[in-house]
Amino acid sequence: MLIKSQQTIPYCPFTPLYKLRFVHYLLLLFSYFAFFFVLNLKEKGMISNSVRRILDFLGIAPVKVPEAEIVDIDSLSPSIKRIRLKGQFEKLQFASGSYVSFKLNYTQTRKYTVSSLDKAKGCLEFIVYLHKQKGSGQAFMSQLAIGNKISMNSLRSNSNYLDLPSTKFVFFGDETSLGLGLSLYQKWKQMNSEFIFLFELDEENKDIPEKLGFEHAVVYPKNKVFRNERTIGQLAPIESAQWKDAIFLLTGNAKSIQIFRKVIKDKTTSKVYTRGYWIEGIEGL
């Protein structure tokens, strides 16, 4: 009787079972290196806004924030709210002026600026503008109530704004800029810096800077002064020698920023930093 020899099938990574395992390990290895590559770029500020949004949504961020509870909602006007959260923030490496990102749904996130932070007491505040161009962010923030638990996807330090090399600052913005403005006001006051805040606000919000405690703040009607180059050119921060060494920080409406920036470049030698938060007719800049 002939006995057939039992041949051992040699290991090959491309047989069906081994191929599946090989691909799985390869993907894990790729994900590992991709994560640290992206993390390195993120720390160096070399990631575009679109990539940041993807990373925020996927939760790939250097800091994860514990769930927090809404303990106070202060309606400063029909369209502006100051929201206070209570949570465990003492171990997190961030400061007032950092971004806080919320997942609105499966596809959208929105960023807000931490306007005030007390790590010891576990209190964090941010300011919300319920935009007239109603969108997902407005709907999400409108339905929040005291006692709700809220998840924050990530926090990133806005280092471009927090450590500017100057002792004189001119800040421009609108309702969407109040959170960043308040955090910088607190910092600049502690540093004994010289500063002025220029806000373009709706009529119902013209008293908000005073309610928030701003000093040296001037309020202008929205869509008027900062849509006219000649009018901007006559403002004290442009004409006065007092502000010739100041750094300009322009935030809020992208159209107003564009016009204001052009005047600064044409008439001064000052450095300008910009951060557009919204564009008319576009949701979720």
Protein backbone atom coordinates (compact mmCIF):
# COMPACT_ATOMS: atom_id res chain seq x y z
CA MET A 1 0.00 0.00 0.00
CA LEU A 2 1.32 3.33 -0.97
CA ILE A 3 1.42 5.92 1.73
CA LYS A 4 1.37 9.49 0.50
CA SER A 5 3.79 11.71 2.27
CA GLN A 6 2.18 14.52 4.25
CA GLN A 7 3.67 17.74 2.99
CA THR A 8 3.64 20.72 5.30
CA ILE A 9 2.32 23.80 3.57
CA PRO A 10 4.96 26.48 3.95
CA TYR A 11 4.01 29.76 5.64
CA CYS A 12 3.17 32.40 3.14
CA PRO A 13 1.90 35.83 4.13
CA PHE A 14 -0.23 35.98 1.01
CA THR A 15 -2.41 32.93 1.58
CA PRO A 16 -6.00 34.07 2.42
CA LEU A 17 -5.78 33.79 6.24
CA TYR A 18 -2.27 35.10 6.60
CA LYS A 19 -2.95 37.81 4.04
CA LEU A 20 -5.82 39.10 6.20
CA ARG A 21 -3.62 39.14 9.29
CA PHE A 22 -0.77 40.77 7.39
CA VAL A 23 -3.02 43.60 6.16
CA HIS A 24 -4.44 44.05 9.66
CA TYR A 25 -0.98 44.42 11.24
CA LEU A 26 0.13 46.68 8.40
CA LEU A 27 -2.82 49.01 9.00
CA LEU A 28 -2.11 49.09 12.73
CA LEU A 29 1.52 49.95 12.07
CA PHE A 30 0.53 52.67 9.60
CA SER A 31 -1.99 54.12 12.08
CA TYR A 32 0.66 54.17 14.81
CA PHE A 33 3.17 56.12 12.73
CA ALA A 34 0.49 58.37 11.23
CA PHE A 35 -0.77 59.33 14.69
CA PHE A 36 2.64 60.44 15.94
CA PHE A 37 3.42 62.17 12.64
CA VAL A 38 0.18 64.15 12.83
CA LEU A 39 0.70 64.86 16.52
CA ASN A 40 4.13 66.29 15.75
CA LEU A 41 2.71 68.53 13.01
CA LYS A 42 -0.11 69.61 15.26
CA GLU A 43 2.29 70.72 17.97
CA LYS A 44 4.18 72.75 15.37
CA GLY A 45 1.00 74.38 14.06
CA MET A 46 1.43 72.89 10.57
CA ILE A 47 -2.03 71.38 10.06
CA SER A 48 -4.71 73.04 7.97
CA ASN A 49 -8.15 73.87 9.35
CA SER A 50 -9.78 71.06 7.34
CA VAL A 51 -7.37 68.47 8.76
CA ARG A 52 -7.90 69.86 12.27
CA ARG A 53 -11.65 69.35 11.87
CA ILE A 54 -11.12 65.73 10.82
CA LEU A 55 -8.79 65.14 13.78
CA ASP A 56 -11.24 66.79 16.17
CA PHE A 57 -14.12 64.67 14.90
CA LEU A 58 -12.13 61.43 15.11
CA GLY A 59 -10.92 62.37 18.58
CA ILE A 60 -7.24 62.25 17.58
CA ALA A 61 -5.97 64.99 19.84
CA PRO A 62 -3.18 65.30 22.42
CA VAL A 63 -5.65 66.16 25.19
CA LYS A 64 -8.95 64.50 26.02
CA VAL A 65 -11.38 66.45 28.18
CA PRO A 66 -13.59 64.76 30.79
CA GLU A 67 -17.34 65.24 30.53
CA ALA A 68 -18.48 68.42 32.27
CA GLU A 69 -21.78 69.70 33.64
CA ILE A 70 -23.46 72.98 32.74
CA VAL A 71 -23.94 74.85 36.02
CA ASP A 72 -24.91 78.31 34.78
CA ILE A 73 -26.22 80.00 31.63
CA ASP A 74 -26.17 83.79 31.68
CA SER A 75 -28.23 85.38 28.89
CA LEU A 76 -26.39 88.66 28.31
CA SER A 77 -28.71 89.57 25.41
CA PRO A 78 -31.21 87.76 23.17
CA SER A 79 -28.31 86.50 21.06
CA ILE A 80 -25.40 86.14 23.51
CA LYS A 81 -24.98 83.61 26.31
CA ARG A 82 -22.18 83.00 28.78
CA ILE A 83 -22.06 79.30 29.69
CA ARG A 84 -20.24 77.96 32.75
CA LEU A 85 -19.11 74.35 33.05
CA LYS A 86 -18.02 72.40 36.11
CA GLY A 87 -15.56 69.57 35.60
CA GLN A 88 -12.18 68.03 36.33
CA PHE A 89 -9.83 70.38 34.50
CA GLU A 90 -6.93 70.55 36.97
CA LYS A 91 -4.73 68.02 35.14
CA LEU A 92 -5.27 69.39 31.66
CA GLN A 93 -2.58 71.53 30.06
CA PHE A 94 -4.52 74.46 28.69
CA ALA A 95 -5.34 78.02 29.62
CA SER A 96 -7.92 80.72 29.10
CA GLY A 97 -7.83 81.57 25.39
CA SER A 98 -7.63 77.94 24.25
CA TYR A 99 -10.15 76.38 21.89
CA VAL A 100 -12.84 74.01 23.08
CA SER A 101 -14.43 71.83 20.41
CA PHE A 102 -17.90 70.26 20.53
CA LYS A 103 -19.34 67.49 18.39
CA LEU A 104 -22.71 68.68 17.14
CA ASN A 105 -23.58 65.46 15.32
CA TYR A 106 -21.87 62.72 13.33
CA THR A 107 -20.36 65.10 10.77
CA GLN A 108 -20.04 68.55 12.36
CA THR A 109 -17.98 70.16 15.11
CA ARG A 110 -17.79 73.76 16.35
CA LYS A 111 -15.03 75.56 18.21
CA TYR A 112 -15.39 78.16 20.97
CA THR A 113 -12.79 80.04 22.97
CA VAL A 114 -12.39 79.51 26.70
CA SER A 115 -13.06 83.01 28.04
CA SER A 116 -12.34 82.19 31.70
CA LEU A 117 -10.81 79.22 33.49
CA ASP A 118 -10.26 78.35 37.16
CA LYS A 119 -8.62 74.94 37.31
CA ALA A 120 -8.60 74.81 41.11
CA LYS A 121 -12.38 75.26 41.27
CA GLY A 122 -13.00 73.25 38.10
CA CYS A 123 -14.85 76.10 36.37
CA LEU A 124 -14.68 76.88 32.67
CA GLU A 125 -16.62 79.59 30.82
CA PHE A 126 -17.18 80.33 27.16
CA ILE A 127 -19.35 82.85 25.31
CA VAL A 128 -21.84 81.84 22.65
CA TYR A 129 -23.26 84.03 19.90
CA LEU A 130 -26.59 82.74 18.56
CA HIS A 131 -26.03 83.85 15.00
CA LYS A 132 -28.89 85.22 12.93
CA GLN A 133 -27.77 82.92 10.14
CA LYS A 134 -29.28 79.95 11.93
CA GLY A 135 -27.23 76.81 11.60
CA SER A 136 -26.17 73.65 13.41
CA GLY A 137 -24.04 75.46 15.99
CA GLN A 138 -26.83 77.88 16.85
CA ALA A 139 -29.33 75.04 17.21
CA PHE A 140 -26.97 73.01 19.42
CA MET A 141 -26.20 75.88 21.79
CA SER A 142 -29.82 77.06 21.99
CA GLN A 143 -31.04 73.75 23.42
CA LEU A 144 -28.44 73.50 26.20
CA ALA A 145 -29.80 73.73 29.76
CA ILE A 146 -28.41 73.81 33.30
CA GLY A 147 -27.69 70.27 34.48
CA ASN A 148 -26.85 68.96 31.00
CA LYS A 149 -23.66 66.92 30.68
CA ILE A 150 -21.54 68.03 27.78
CA SER A 151 -18.54 66.43 26.06
CA MET A 152 -15.62 68.40 24.71
CA ASN A 153 -13.61 66.71 22.04
CA SER A 154 -10.32 68.57 22.37
CA LEU A 155 -8.62 71.70 23.61
CA ARG A 156 -5.79 73.43 21.79
CA SER A 157 -3.80 76.44 22.91
CA ASN A 158 -4.19 79.40 20.60
CA SER A 159 -0.51 80.28 20.89
CA ASN A 160 -0.57 82.80 18.04
CA TYR A 161 -2.65 85.08 20.24
CA LEU A 162 -1.54 84.29 23.77
CA ASP A 163 2.16 85.08 23.45
CA LEU A 164 2.42 87.98 21.02
CA PRO A 165 5.73 89.90 21.38
CA SER A 166 4.46 93.37 22.26
CA THR A 167 3.14 95.56 25.07
CA LYS A 168 0.65 97.41 22.84
CA PHE A 169 -2.36 95.75 21.24
CA VAL A 170 -5.32 96.75 19.09
CA PHE A 171 -8.06 94.11 19.09
CA PHE A 172 -10.91 94.13 16.56
CA GLY A 173 -13.90 91.79 16.48
CA ASP A 174 -17.63 91.25 16.69
CA GLU A 175 -19.96 89.06 18.77
CA THR A 176 -18.05 85.92 17.78
CA SER A 177 -14.85 87.46 19.15
CA LEU A 178 -16.02 88.24 22.69
CA GLY A 179 -14.65 85.05 24.25
CA LEU A 180 -11.16 85.50 22.84
CA GLY A 181 -11.28 89.22 23.57
CA LEU A 182 -12.19 88.65 27.22
CA SER A 183 -9.43 86.09 27.76
CA LEU A 184 -6.86 88.43 26.19
CA TYR A 185 -8.16 91.42 28.15
CA GLN A 186 -7.54 89.55 31.40
CA LYS A 187 -4.04 88.54 30.28
CA TRP A 188 -3.04 91.96 28.94
CA LYS A 189 -4.29 93.70 32.08
CA GLN A 190 -2.16 91.43 34.27
CA MET A 191 0.83 92.24 32.05
CA ASN A 192 0.17 96.00 32.34
CA SER A 193 0.00 96.15 28.55
CA GLU A 194 -1.49 99.06 26.63
CA PHE A 195 -4.56 98.01 24.65
CA ILE A 196 -7.77 99.08 22.97
CA PHE A 197 -10.72 96.96 21.85
CA LEU A 198 -12.74 97.88 18.76
CA PHE A 199 -16.02 95.99 18.42
CA GLU A 200 -18.63 96.10 15.65
CA LEU A 201 -21.86 94.87 17.25
CA ASP A 202 -25.58 94.71 16.62
CA GLU A 203 -27.68 97.33 18.41
CA GLU A 204 -28.95 94.77 20.95
CA ASN A 205 -25.37 93.89 21.89
CA LYS A 206 -23.78 97.33 22.16
CA ASP A 207 -23.63 97.12 25.99
CA ILE A 208 -22.10 93.63 26.14
CA PRO A 209 -18.43 94.71 26.46
CA GLU A 210 -19.36 96.82 29.49
CA LYS A 211 -21.32 93.92 31.03
CA LEU A 212 -18.31 91.66 30.59
CA GLY A 213 -16.03 94.19 32.28
CA PHE A 214 -13.95 95.35 29.32
CA GLU A 215 -11.91 98.51 29.75
CA HIS A 216 -10.79 100.71 26.83
CA ALA A 217 -13.45 99.28 24.51
CA VAL A 218 -15.12 101.24 21.70
CA VAL A 219 -18.30 99.91 20.07
CA TYR A 220 -19.33 100.67 16.48
CA PRO A 221 -22.49 99.75 14.53
CA LYS A 222 -22.13 96.58 12.51
CA ASN A 223 -21.44 96.73 8.75
CA LYS A 224 -20.75 100.47 8.67
CA VAL A 225 -17.40 101.82 9.87
CA PHE A 226 -15.40 98.71 9.08
CA ARG A 227 -16.73 98.39 5.55
CA ASN A 228 -15.28 101.78 4.53
CA GLU A 229 -11.52 102.17 4.04
CA ARG A 230 -11.59 105.95 4.41
CA THR A 231 -13.48 105.78 7.72
CA ILE A 232 -11.15 103.10 9.09
CA GLY A 233 -8.17 105.21 8.10
CA GLN A 234 -9.42 108.01 10.37
CA LEU A 235 -9.55 105.86 13.50
CA ALA A 236 -7.15 106.69 16.34
CA PRO A 237 -5.26 103.34 16.21
CA ILE A 238 -4.41 104.12 12.58
CA GLU A 239 -3.67 107.85 12.80
CA SER A 240 -2.25 108.26 16.31
CA ALA A 241 1.47 107.83 16.97
CA GLN A 242 0.46 106.22 20.27
CA TRP A 243 -0.29 102.95 18.46
CA LYS A 244 2.50 102.92 15.88
CA ASP A 245 4.25 100.02 17.65
CA ALA A 246 1.06 98.11 18.42
CA ILE A 247 0.16 94.67 17.16
CA PHE A 248 -3.25 94.47 15.48
CA LEU A 249 -5.36 91.38 16.09
CA LEU A 250 -8.34 91.22 13.72
CA THR A 251 -11.06 88.64 14.35
CA GLY A 252 -14.70 87.92 13.54
CA ASN A 253 -16.29 88.69 10.16
CA ALA A 254 -13.92 87.82 7.32
CA LYS A 255 -15.10 90.71 5.11
CA SER A 256 -14.49 93.34 7.80
CA ILE A 257 -11.10 91.78 8.54
CA GLN A 258 -10.11 91.97 4.88
CA ILE A 259 -10.93 95.69 4.59
CA PHE A 260 -9.37 96.61 7.95
CA ARG A 261 -6.19 94.68 7.16
CA LYS A 262 -5.76 96.49 3.85
CA VAL A 263 -5.94 99.88 5.59
CA ILE A 264 -3.38 98.81 8.21
CA LYS A 265 -0.98 97.61 5.53
CA ASP A 266 -1.44 100.78 3.45
CA LYS A 267 -1.09 103.29 6.30
CA THR A 268 1.09 101.67 8.99
CA THR A 269 4.02 99.32 9.47
CA SER A 270 2.29 97.40 12.26
CA LYS A 271 2.14 93.62 12.41
CA VAL A 272 -1.30 92.13 11.81
CA TYR A 273 -2.71 88.80 12.98
CA THR A 274 -6.08 87.65 11.67
CA ARG A 275 -8.65 85.03 12.62
CA GLY A 276 -11.87 84.93 10.64
CA TYR A 277 -14.68 83.19 12.51
CA TRP A 278 -17.39 83.45 9.87
CA ILE A 279 -18.24 84.53 6.32
CA GLU A 280 -21.62 85.88 5.35
CA GLY A 281 -23.71 83.17 3.71
CA ILE A 282 -21.44 80.30 4.79
CA GLU A 283 -22.12 78.02 7.75
CA GLY A 284 -19.34 76.74 9.97
CA LEU A 285 -16.16 78.53 8.85
